[in-house]
Structure formats: structure tokens, C-alpha cells
Amino acid sequence: MFGNGAVSKPQHVTIQNKSKTTAVTFSSIVASGDFAMVSGCGVTIGPKSKCSVTVTFSPTALGTRGGTLTIRSNANNSPSSVGLTGIGTQAKE
């Protein structure tokens, strides 16, 4: 839970390429809502590899806040998305 204007500690989302032979090339990785991507995976991950995307939360209002991390690539299941949720609380003075 974070007060309005406060930024959360970075959280990590792991992206895994399960293909044994094909690299995944990203065209975009974008966070929406009150979430921001701090660092990403680069452009490509090799077969049977993983990478980590770092996301922070900065609420603009009180209560439950939702967002999405959308991953667009050359993978068969593209675009993929991850739901993000945070709770905005009254800022402490």
C-alpha cells in the first residue's frame, strides 16, 4: 500500500521463452495505469531463456488501482499481458 505520490519498491516480472530453437524478439513492453516499467528485457531473448522486467507503482488515487504489463513480440501468443494491482492509501504526514 502506498500513499498518493509515493513510489513502490521495484517489483520483477519474469518473461520466459520456452522454445527450444527460436529466439523471441520484443517489439514493445509497456506498463499501463499507475504502473511504470523501470527496466526491461532488451530486444531479444534466446531459446529456453528468461529475462526480468522491473515495474513500480505510483498511485494517483486512493483504493485499488489496476494496470497491465503488455508484451508484444514475435511469439505465437503475442500480445501477452500480466495484470498488475496496487492499493493507494492516504499519504502519511
PDB file of N, CA and C in Angstrom:
ATOM      1  N   MET A   1       0.844  -1.164   0.000  1.00  0.00           N
ATOM      2  CA  MET A   1       0.000   0.000   0.000  1.00  0.00           C
ATOM      3  C   MET A   1       0.897   1.236   0.000  1.00  0.00           C
ATOM      4  N   PHE A   2       0.538   2.201  -0.810  1.00  0.00           N
ATOM      5  CA  PHE A   2       1.373   3.377  -0.967  1.00  0.00           C
ATOM      6  C   PHE A   2       0.503   4.622  -1.029  1.00  0.00           C
ATOM      7  N   GLY A   3       0.948   5.675  -0.371  1.00  0.00           N
ATOM      8  CA  GLY A   3       0.234   6.943  -0.406  1.00  0.00           C
ATOM      9  C   GLY A   3       0.344   7.589  -1.774  1.00  0.00           C
ATOM     10  N   ASN A   4      -0.608   8.481  -2.061  1.00  0.00           N
ATOM     11  CA  ASN A   4      -0.583   9.193  -3.340  1.00  0.00           C
ATOM     12  C   ASN A   4       0.763   9.879  -3.518  1.00  0.00           C
ATOM     13  N   GLY A   5       1.368   9.723  -4.669  1.00  0.00           N
ATOM     14  CA  GLY A   5       2.656  10.330  -4.967  1.00  0.00           C
ATOM     15  C   GLY A   5       3.846   9.493  -4.542  1.00  0.00           C
ATOM     16  N   ALA A   6       3.634   8.489  -3.709  1.00  0.00           N
ATOM     17  CA  ALA A   6       4.723   7.609  -3.291  1.00  0.00           C
ATOM     18  C   ALA A   6       4.985   6.580  -4.386  1.00  0.00           C
ATOM     19  N   VAL A   7       6.233   6.149  -4.502  1.00  0.00           N
ATOM     20  CA  VAL A   7       6.596   5.141  -5.500  1.00  0.00           C
ATOM     21  C   VAL A   7       7.017   3.878  -4.760  1.00  0.00           C
ATOM     22  N   SER A   8       6.485   2.744  -5.190  1.00  0.00           N
ATOM     23  CA  SER A   8       6.794   1.461  -4.553  1.00  0.00           C
ATOM     24  C   SER A   8       8.223   1.031  -4.825  1.00  0.00           C
ATOM     25  N   LYS A   9       8.658   0.052  -4.054  1.00  0.00           N
ATOM     26  CA  LYS A   9       9.909  -0.621  -4.378  1.00  0.00           C
ATOM     27  C   LYS A   9       9.694  -1.345  -5.700  1.00  0.00           C
ATOM     28  N   PRO A  10      10.733  -1.487  -6.499  1.00  0.00           N
ATOM     29  CA  PRO A  10      10.585  -2.198  -7.777  1.00  0.00           C
ATOM     30  C   PRO A  10      10.149  -3.651  -7.569  1.00  0.00           C
ATOM     31  N   GLN A  11       9.259  -4.105  -8.420  1.00  0.00           N
ATOM     32  CA  GLN A  11       8.813  -5.496  -8.445  1.00  0.00           C
ATOM     33  C   GLN A  11       9.233  -6.084  -9.780  1.00  0.00           C
ATOM     34  N   HIS A  12       9.495  -7.391  -9.801  1.00  0.00           N
ATOM     35  CA  HIS A  12      10.017  -8.020 -11.009  1.00  0.00           C
ATOM     36  C   HIS A  12       9.013  -9.001 -11.600  1.00  0.00           C
ATOM     37  N   VAL A  13       8.882  -8.951 -12.913  1.00  0.00           N
ATOM     38  CA  VAL A  13       8.057  -9.892 -13.666  1.00  0.00           C
ATOM     39  C   VAL A  13       9.006 -10.657 -14.587  1.00  0.00           C
ATOM     40  N   THR A  14       8.989 -11.984 -14.484  1.00  0.00           N
ATOM     41  CA  THR A  14       9.875 -12.814 -15.304  1.00  0.00           C
ATOM     42  C   THR A  14       9.165 -13.229 -16.588  1.00  0.00           C
ATOM     43  N   ILE A  15       9.859 -13.056 -17.700  1.00  0.00           N
ATOM     44  CA  ILE A  15       9.369 -13.490 -19.006  1.00  0.00           C
ATOM     45  C   ILE A  15      10.238 -14.661 -19.432  1.00  0.00           C
ATOM     46  N   GLN A  16       9.607 -15.764 -19.810  1.00  0.00           N
ATOM     47  CA  GLN A  16      10.348 -16.974 -20.172  1.00  0.00           C
ATOM     48  C   GLN A  16      10.053 -17.375 -21.607  1.00  0.00           C
ATOM     49  N   ASN A  17      11.106 -17.671 -22.347  1.00  0.00           N
ATOM     50  CA  ASN A  17      10.983 -18.218 -23.695  1.00  0.00           C
ATOM     51  C   ASN A  17      11.110 -19.730 -23.570  1.00  0.00           C
ATOM     52  N   LYS A  18      10.026 -20.461 -23.782  1.00  0.00           N
ATOM     53  CA  LYS A  18      10.033 -21.921 -23.631  1.00  0.00           C
ATOM     54  C   LYS A  18      10.451 -22.654 -24.902  1.00  0.00           C
ATOM     55  N   SER A  19      10.595 -21.930 -26.007  1.00  0.00           N
ATOM     56  CA  SER A  19      11.000 -22.562 -27.260  1.00  0.00           C
ATOM     57  C   SER A  19      12.410 -23.132 -27.136  1.00  0.00           C
ATOM     58  N   LYS A  20      12.615 -24.293 -27.716  1.00  0.00           N
ATOM     59  CA  LYS A  20      13.944 -24.919 -27.707  1.00  0.00           C
ATOM     60  C   LYS A  20      14.833 -24.403 -28.830  1.00  0.00           C
ATOM     61  N   THR A  21      14.227 -23.749 -29.838  1.00  0.00           N
ATOM     62  CA  THR A  21      15.012 -23.378 -31.016  1.00  0.00           C
ATOM     63  C   THR A  21      14.865 -21.933 -31.487  1.00  0.00           C
ATOM     64  N   THR A  22      13.821 -21.225 -31.083  1.00  0.00           N
ATOM     65  CA  THR A  22      13.542 -19.902 -31.640  1.00  0.00           C
ATOM     66  C   THR A  22      13.701 -18.804 -30.596  1.00  0.00           C
ATOM     67  N   ALA A  23      14.418 -17.748 -30.948  1.00  0.00           N
ATOM     68  CA  ALA A  23      14.527 -16.580 -30.076  1.00  0.00           C
ATOM     69  C   ALA A  23      13.233 -15.784 -30.118  1.00  0.00           C
ATOM     70  N   VAL A  24      12.960 -15.047 -29.054  1.00  0.00           N
ATOM     71  CA  VAL A  24      11.821 -14.141 -29.010  1.00  0.00           C
ATOM     72  C   VAL A  24      12.352 -12.721 -29.164  1.00  0.00           C
ATOM     73  N   THR A  25      11.760 -11.988 -30.109  1.00  0.00           N
ATOM     74  CA  THR A  25      12.129 -10.597 -30.330  1.00  0.00           C
ATOM     75  C   THR A  25      10.958  -9.722 -29.897  1.00  0.00           C
ATOM     76  N   PHE A  26      11.219  -8.801 -28.972  1.00  0.00           N
ATOM     77  CA  PHE A  26      10.171  -7.922 -28.456  1.00  0.00           C
ATOM     78  C   PHE A  26      10.022  -6.696 -29.345  1.00  0.00           C
ATOM     79  N   SER A  27       8.769  -6.341 -29.638  1.00  0.00           N
ATOM     80  CA  SER A  27       8.525  -5.071 -30.329  1.00  0.00           C
ATOM     81  C   SER A  27       8.151  -3.988 -29.326  1.00  0.00           C
ATOM     82  N   SER A  28       7.551  -4.389 -28.185  1.00  0.00           N
ATOM     83  CA  SER A  28       7.295  -3.442 -27.102  1.00  0.00           C
ATOM     84  C   SER A  28       6.939  -4.180 -25.822  1.00  0.00           C
ATOM     85  N   ILE A  29       7.280  -3.556 -24.704  1.00  0.00           N
ATOM     86  CA  ILE A  29       6.855  -3.998 -23.376  1.00  0.00           C
ATOM     87  C   ILE A  29       6.438  -2.718 -22.657  1.00  0.00           C
ATOM     88  N   VAL A  30       5.136  -2.612 -22.307  1.00  0.00           N
ATOM     89  CA  VAL A  30       4.594  -1.365 -21.791  1.00  0.00           C
ATOM     90  C   VAL A  30       3.727  -1.619 -20.566  1.00  0.00           C
ATOM     91  N   ALA A  31       3.893  -0.798 -19.538  1.00  0.00           N
ATOM     92  CA  ALA A  31       3.037  -0.843 -18.347  1.00  0.00           C
ATOM     93  C   ALA A  31       1.987   0.254 -18.460  1.00  0.00           C
ATOM     94  N   SER A  32       0.768  -0.038 -17.987  1.00  0.00           N
ATOM     95  CA  SER A  32      -0.314   0.944 -18.038  1.00  0.00           C
ATOM     96  C   SER A  32      -0.841   1.234 -16.639  1.00  0.00           C
ATOM     97  N   GLY A  33      -1.747   2.189 -16.558  1.00  0.00           N
ATOM     98  CA  GLY A  33      -2.344   2.555 -15.273  1.00  0.00           C
ATOM     99  C   GLY A  33      -1.332   3.310 -14.428  1.00  0.00           C
ATOM    100  N   ASP A  34      -1.351   3.070 -13.131  1.00  0.00           N
ATOM    101  CA  ASP A  34      -0.450   3.744 -12.197  1.00  0.00           C
ATOM    102  C   ASP A  34       0.877   2.999 -12.059  1.00  0.00           C
ATOM    103  N   PHE A  35       1.249   2.262 -13.076  1.00  0.00           N
ATOM    104  CA  PHE A  35       2.468   1.466 -13.064  1.00  0.00           C
ATOM    105  C   PHE A  35       3.429   1.963 -14.130  1.00  0.00           C
ATOM    106  N   ALA A  36       4.710   1.824 -13.863  1.00  0.00           N
ATOM    107  CA  ALA A  36       5.737   2.244 -14.824  1.00  0.00           C
ATOM    108  C   ALA A  36       6.798   1.160 -14.923  1.00  0.00           C
ATOM    109  N   MET A  37       7.244   0.913 -16.137  1.00  0.00           N
ATOM    110  CA  MET A  37       8.340  -0.031 -16.341  1.00  0.00           C
ATOM    111  C   MET A  37       9.643   0.725 -16.113  1.00  0.00           C
ATOM    112  N   VAL A  38      10.476   0.210 -15.206  1.00  0.00           N
ATOM    113  CA  VAL A  38      11.746   0.844 -14.863  1.00  0.00           C
ATOM    114  C   VAL A  38      12.867   0.290 -15.734  1.00  0.00           C
ATOM    115  N   SER A  39      12.847  -1.011 -15.956  1.00  0.00           N
ATOM    116  CA  SER A  39      13.833  -1.639 -16.841  1.00  0.00           C
ATOM    117  C   SER A  39      13.193  -2.839 -17.510  1.00  0.00           C
ATOM    118  N   GLY A  40      13.698  -3.163 -18.684  1.00  0.00           N
ATOM    119  CA  GLY A  40      13.101  -4.237 -19.465  1.00  0.00           C
ATOM    120  C   GLY A  40      14.082  -5.323 -19.816  1.00  0.00           C
ATOM    121  N   CYS A  41      13.721  -6.089 -20.828  1.00  0.00           N
ATOM    122  CA  CYS A  41      14.471  -7.275 -21.215  1.00  0.00           C
ATOM    123  C   CYS A  41      15.424  -7.051 -22.379  1.00  0.00           C
ATOM    124  N   GLY A  42      15.481  -5.881 -22.922  1.00  0.00           N
ATOM    125  CA  GLY A  42      16.243  -5.711 -24.144  1.00  0.00           C
ATOM    126  C   GLY A  42      15.362  -6.079 -25.327  1.00  0.00           C
ATOM    127  N   VAL A  43      15.985  -6.375 -26.460  1.00  0.00           N
ATOM    128  CA  VAL A  43      15.227  -6.625 -27.684  1.00  0.00           C
ATOM    129  C   VAL A  43      14.931  -8.098 -27.905  1.00  0.00           C
ATOM    130  N   THR A  44      15.846  -8.989 -27.513  1.00  0.00           N
ATOM    131  CA  THR A  44      15.711 -10.420 -27.819  1.00  0.00           C
ATOM    132  C   THR A  44      16.126 -11.270 -26.629  1.00  0.00           C
ATOM    133  N   ILE A  45      15.418 -12.399 -26.428  1.00  0.00           N
ATOM    134  CA  ILE A  45      15.897 -13.436 -25.501  1.00  0.00           C
ATOM    135  C   ILE A  45      15.975 -14.741 -26.283  1.00  0.00           C
ATOM    136  N   GLY A  46      17.007 -15.490 -26.022  1.00  0.00           N
ATOM    137  CA  GLY A  46      17.260 -16.725 -26.740  1.00  0.00           C
ATOM    138  C   GLY A  46      16.341 -17.854 -26.325  1.00  0.00           C
ATOM    139  N   PRO A  47      16.430 -18.969 -27.047  1.00  0.00           N
ATOM    140  CA  PRO A  47      15.641 -20.155 -26.705  1.00  0.00           C
ATOM    141  C   PRO A  47      15.927 -20.617 -25.280  1.00  0.00           C
ATOM    142  N   LYS A  48      14.895 -21.083 -24.595  1.00  0.00           N
ATOM    143  CA  LYS A  48      14.988 -21.619 -23.231  1.00  0.00           C
ATOM    144  C   LYS A  48      15.625 -20.618 -22.267  1.00  0.00           C
ATOM    145  N   SER A  49      15.387 -19.316 -22.492  1.00  0.00           N
ATOM    146  CA  SER A  49      15.966 -18.262 -21.657  1.00  0.00           C
ATOM    147  C   SER A  49      14.874 -17.484 -20.942  1.00  0.00           C
ATOM    148  N   LYS A  50      15.290 -16.689 -19.942  1.00  0.00           N
ATOM    149  CA  LYS A  50      14.387 -15.838 -19.183  1.00  0.00           C
ATOM    150  C   LYS A  50      14.967 -14.436 -19.132  1.00  0.00           C
ATOM    151  N   CYS A  51      14.101 -13.474 -18.887  1.00  0.00           N
ATOM    152  CA  CYS A  51      14.537 -12.115 -18.602  1.00  0.00           C
ATOM    153  C   CYS A  51      13.557 -11.525 -17.595  1.00  0.00           C
ATOM    154  N   SER A  52      13.932 -10.411 -16.994  1.00  0.00           N
ATOM    155  CA  SER A  52      13.117  -9.799 -15.958  1.00  0.00           C
ATOM    156  C   SER A  52      12.779  -8.360 -16.319  1.00  0.00           C
ATOM    157  N   VAL A  53      11.513  -8.002 -16.144  1.00  0.00           N
ATOM    158  CA  VAL A  53      11.034  -6.641 -16.319  1.00  0.00           C
ATOM    159  C   VAL A  53      10.784  -6.087 -14.924  1.00  0.00           C
ATOM    160  N   THR A  54      11.234  -4.872 -14.670  1.00  0.00           N
ATOM    161  CA  THR A  54      11.056  -4.237 -13.365  1.00  0.00           C
ATOM    162  C   THR A  54       9.986  -3.161 -13.472  1.00  0.00           C
ATOM    163  N   VAL A  55       9.007  -3.223 -12.551  1.00  0.00           N
ATOM    164  CA  VAL A  55       7.853  -2.330 -12.572  1.00  0.00           C
ATOM    165  C   VAL A  55       7.709  -1.660 -11.211  1.00  0.00           C
ATOM    166  N   THR A  56       7.304  -0.374 -11.203  1.00  0.00           N
ATOM    167  CA  THR A  56       6.976   0.314  -9.957  1.00  0.00           C
ATOM    168  C   THR A  56       5.523   0.766 -10.007  1.00  0.00           C
ATOM    169  N   PHE A  57       4.986   1.061  -8.817  1.00  0.00           N
ATOM    170  CA  PHE A  57       3.602   1.504  -8.652  1.00  0.00           C
ATOM    171  C   PHE A  57       3.617   2.877  -7.993  1.00  0.00           C
ATOM    172  N   SER A  58       2.902   3.827  -8.567  1.00  0.00           N
ATOM    173  CA  SER A  58       2.783   5.179  -8.017  1.00  0.00           C
ATOM    174  C   SER A  58       1.316   5.593  -8.128  1.00  0.00           C
ATOM    175  N   PRO A  59       0.524   5.378  -7.058  1.00  0.00           N
ATOM    176  CA  PRO A  59      -0.921   5.608  -7.150  1.00  0.00           C
ATOM    177  C   PRO A  59      -1.274   7.074  -7.371  1.00  0.00           C
ATOM    178  N   THR A  60      -2.290   7.289  -8.175  1.00  0.00           N
ATOM    179  CA  THR A  60      -2.798   8.635  -8.438  1.00  0.00           C
ATOM    180  C   THR A  60      -4.114   8.885  -7.708  1.00  0.00           C
ATOM    181  N   ALA A  61      -4.626   7.856  -7.010  1.00  0.00           N
ATOM    182  CA  ALA A  61      -5.878   7.973  -6.263  1.00  0.00           C
ATOM    183  C   ALA A  61      -5.893   6.916  -5.166  1.00  0.00           C
ATOM    184  N   LEU A  62      -6.809   7.069  -4.221  1.00  0.00           N
ATOM    185  CA  LEU A  62      -6.952   6.099  -3.143  1.00  0.00           C
ATOM    186  C   LEU A  62      -7.659   4.841  -3.647  1.00  0.00           C
ATOM    187  N   GLY A  63      -7.398   3.734  -2.968  1.00  0.00           N
ATOM    188  CA  GLY A  63      -8.081   2.489  -3.268  1.00  0.00           C
ATOM    189  C   GLY A  63      -7.298   1.597  -4.209  1.00  0.00           C
ATOM    190  N   THR A  64      -7.950   0.528  -4.624  1.00  0.00           N
ATOM    191  CA  THR A  64      -7.324  -0.448  -5.511  1.00  0.00           C
ATOM    192  C   THR A  64      -7.141   0.152  -6.889  1.00  0.00           C
ATOM    193  N   ARG A  65      -5.933   0.008  -7.404  1.00  0.00           N
ATOM    194  CA  ARG A  65      -5.569   0.557  -8.712  1.00  0.00           C
ATOM    195  C   ARG A  65      -5.066  -0.590  -9.577  1.00  0.00           C
ATOM    196  N   GLY A  66      -5.549  -0.671 -10.779  1.00  0.00           N
ATOM    197  CA  GLY A  66      -5.152  -1.746 -11.681  1.00  0.00           C
ATOM    198  C   GLY A  66      -4.359  -1.235 -12.866  1.00  0.00           C
ATOM    199  N   GLY A  67      -3.619  -2.131 -13.449  1.00  0.00           N
ATOM    200  CA  GLY A  67      -2.863  -1.830 -14.658  1.00  0.00           C
ATOM    201  C   GLY A  67      -2.504  -3.126 -15.352  1.00  0.00           C
ATOM    202  N   THR A  68      -1.789  -2.995 -16.444  1.00  0.00           N
ATOM    203  CA  THR A  68      -1.401  -4.163 -17.227  1.00  0.00           C
ATOM    204  C   THR A  68       0.008  -3.976 -17.752  1.00  0.00           C
ATOM    205  N   LEU A  69       0.770  -5.047 -17.741  1.00  0.00           N
ATOM    206  CA  LEU A  69       2.060  -5.096 -18.431  1.00  0.00           C
ATOM    207  C   LEU A  69       1.788  -5.850 -19.727  1.00  0.00           C
ATOM    208  N   THR A  70       1.917  -5.167 -20.862  1.00  0.00           N
ATOM    209  CA  THR A  70       1.635  -5.768 -22.162  1.00  0.00           C
ATOM    210  C   THR A  70       2.938  -6.030 -22.893  1.00  0.00           C
ATOM    211  N   ILE A  71       3.099  -7.269 -23.374  1.00  0.00           N
ATOM    212  CA  ILE A  71       4.324  -7.712 -24.031  1.00  0.00           C
ATOM    213  C   ILE A  71       3.978  -8.092 -25.466  1.00  0.00           C
ATOM    214  N   ARG A  72       4.563  -7.371 -26.405  1.00  0.00           N
ATOM    215  CA  ARG A  72       4.360  -7.657 -27.835  1.00  0.00           C
ATOM    216  C   ARG A  72       5.672  -8.188 -28.404  1.00  0.00           C
ATOM    217  N   SER A  73       5.561  -9.309 -29.142  1.00  0.00           N
ATOM    218  CA  SER A  73       6.758  -9.959 -29.680  1.00  0.00           C
ATOM    219  C   SER A  73       6.386 -10.810 -30.894  1.00  0.00           C
ATOM    220  N   ASN A  74       7.369 -11.550 -31.380  1.00  0.00           N
ATOM    221  CA  ASN A  74       7.128 -12.470 -32.488  1.00  0.00           C
ATOM    222  C   ASN A  74       6.613 -13.830 -32.005  1.00  0.00           C
ATOM    223  N   ALA A  75       6.337 -13.987 -30.723  1.00  0.00           N
ATOM    224  CA  ALA A  75       5.834 -15.259 -30.177  1.00  0.00           C
ATOM    225  C   ALA A  75       4.414 -15.524 -30.668  1.00  0.00           C
ATOM    226  N   ASN A  76       4.050 -16.798 -30.761  1.00  0.00           N
ATOM    227  CA  ASN A  76       2.719 -17.192 -31.240  1.00  0.00           C
ATOM    228  C   ASN A  76       1.592 -16.628 -30.397  1.00  0.00           C
ATOM    229  N   ASN A  77       1.819 -16.442 -29.090  1.00  0.00           N
ATOM    230  CA  ASN A  77       0.756 -15.979 -28.196  1.00  0.00           C
ATOM    231  C   ASN A  77       0.783 -14.460 -27.984  1.00  0.00           C
ATOM    232  N   SER A  78       1.466 -13.735 -28.843  1.00  0.00           N
ATOM    233  CA  SER A  78       1.580 -12.282 -28.697  1.00  0.00           C
ATOM    234  C   SER A  78       0.306 -11.583 -29.166  1.00  0.00           C
ATOM    235  N   PRO A  79      -0.141 -10.540 -28.482  1.00  0.00           N
ATOM    236  CA  PRO A  79       0.474  -9.988 -27.282  1.00  0.00           C
ATOM    237  C   PRO A  79       0.088 -10.779 -26.039  1.00  0.00           C
ATOM    238  N   SER A  80       0.973 -10.757 -25.060  1.00  0.00           N
ATOM    239  CA  SER A  80       0.717 -11.364 -23.754  1.00  0.00           C
ATOM    240  C   SER A  80       0.556 -10.233 -22.754  1.00  0.00           C
ATOM    241  N   SER A  81      -0.189 -10.497 -21.688  1.00  0.00           N
ATOM    242  CA  SER A  81      -0.349  -9.457 -20.682  1.00  0.00           C
ATOM    243  C   SER A  81      -0.319 -10.042 -19.281  1.00  0.00           C
ATOM    244  N   VAL A  82       0.100  -9.197 -18.348  1.00  0.00           N
ATOM    245  CA  VAL A  82       0.151  -9.547 -16.932  1.00  0.00           C
ATOM    246  C   VAL A  82      -0.640  -8.479 -16.188  1.00  0.00           C
ATOM    247  N   GLY A  83      -1.619  -8.903 -15.397  1.00  0.00           N
ATOM    248  CA  GLY A  83      -2.395  -7.949 -14.598  1.00  0.00           C
ATOM    249  C   GLY A  83      -1.564  -7.433 -13.431  1.00  0.00           C
ATOM    250  N   LEU A  84      -1.663  -6.148 -13.163  1.00  0.00           N
ATOM    251  CA  LEU A  84      -0.953  -5.510 -12.059  1.00  0.00           C
ATOM    252  C   LEU A  84      -1.978  -4.849 -11.142  1.00  0.00           C
ATOM    253  N   THR A  85      -1.757  -4.950  -9.824  1.00  0.00           N
ATOM    254  CA  THR A  85      -2.675  -4.353  -8.851  1.00  0.00           C
ATOM    255  C   THR A  85      -1.880  -3.727  -7.710  1.00  0.00           C
ATOM    256  N   GLY A  86      -2.300  -2.563  -7.285  1.00  0.00           N
ATOM    257  CA  GLY A  86      -1.731  -1.898  -6.116  1.00  0.00           C
ATOM    258  C   GLY A  86      -2.833  -1.192  -5.360  1.00  0.00           C
ATOM    259  N   ILE A  87      -2.551  -0.754  -4.133  1.00  0.00           N
ATOM    260  CA  ILE A  87      -3.547  -0.062  -3.330  1.00  0.00           C
ATOM    261  C   ILE A  87      -2.987   1.303  -2.929  1.00  0.00           C
ATOM    262  N   GLY A  88      -3.684   2.353  -3.319  1.00  0.00           N
ATOM    263  CA  GLY A  88      -3.316   3.708  -2.931  1.00  0.00           C
ATOM    264  C   GLY A  88      -3.938   4.029  -1.586  1.00  0.00           C
ATOM    265  N   THR A  89      -3.145   4.528  -0.646  1.00  0.00           N
ATOM    266  CA  THR A  89      -3.623   4.872   0.682  1.00  0.00           C
ATOM    267  C   THR A  89      -3.384   6.349   0.953  1.00  0.00           C
ATOM    268  N   GLN A  90      -3.963   6.829   2.033  1.00  0.00           N
ATOM    269  CA  GLN A  90      -3.747   8.218   2.443  1.00  0.00           C
ATOM    270  C   GLN A  90      -2.281   8.422   2.774  1.00  0.00           C
ATOM    271  N   ALA A  91      -1.675   9.450   2.208  1.00  0.00           N
ATOM    272  CA  ALA A  91      -0.264   9.726   2.467  1.00  0.00           C
ATOM    273  C   ALA A  91      -0.058  10.086   3.926  1.00  0.00           C
ATOM    274  N   LYS A  92       1.025   9.565   4.543  1.00  0.00           N
ATOM    275  CA  LYS A  92       1.350   9.899   5.936  1.00  0.00           C
ATOM    276  C   LYS A  92       2.093  11.224   5.947  1.00  0.00           C
ATOM    277  N   GLU A  93       1.764  12.029   6.937  1.00  0.00           N
ATOM    278  CA  GLU A  93       2.429  13.342   7.034  1.00  0.00           C
ATOM    279  C   GLU A  93       3.499  13.322   8.072  1.00  0.00           C
TER     280      GLU A  93
END
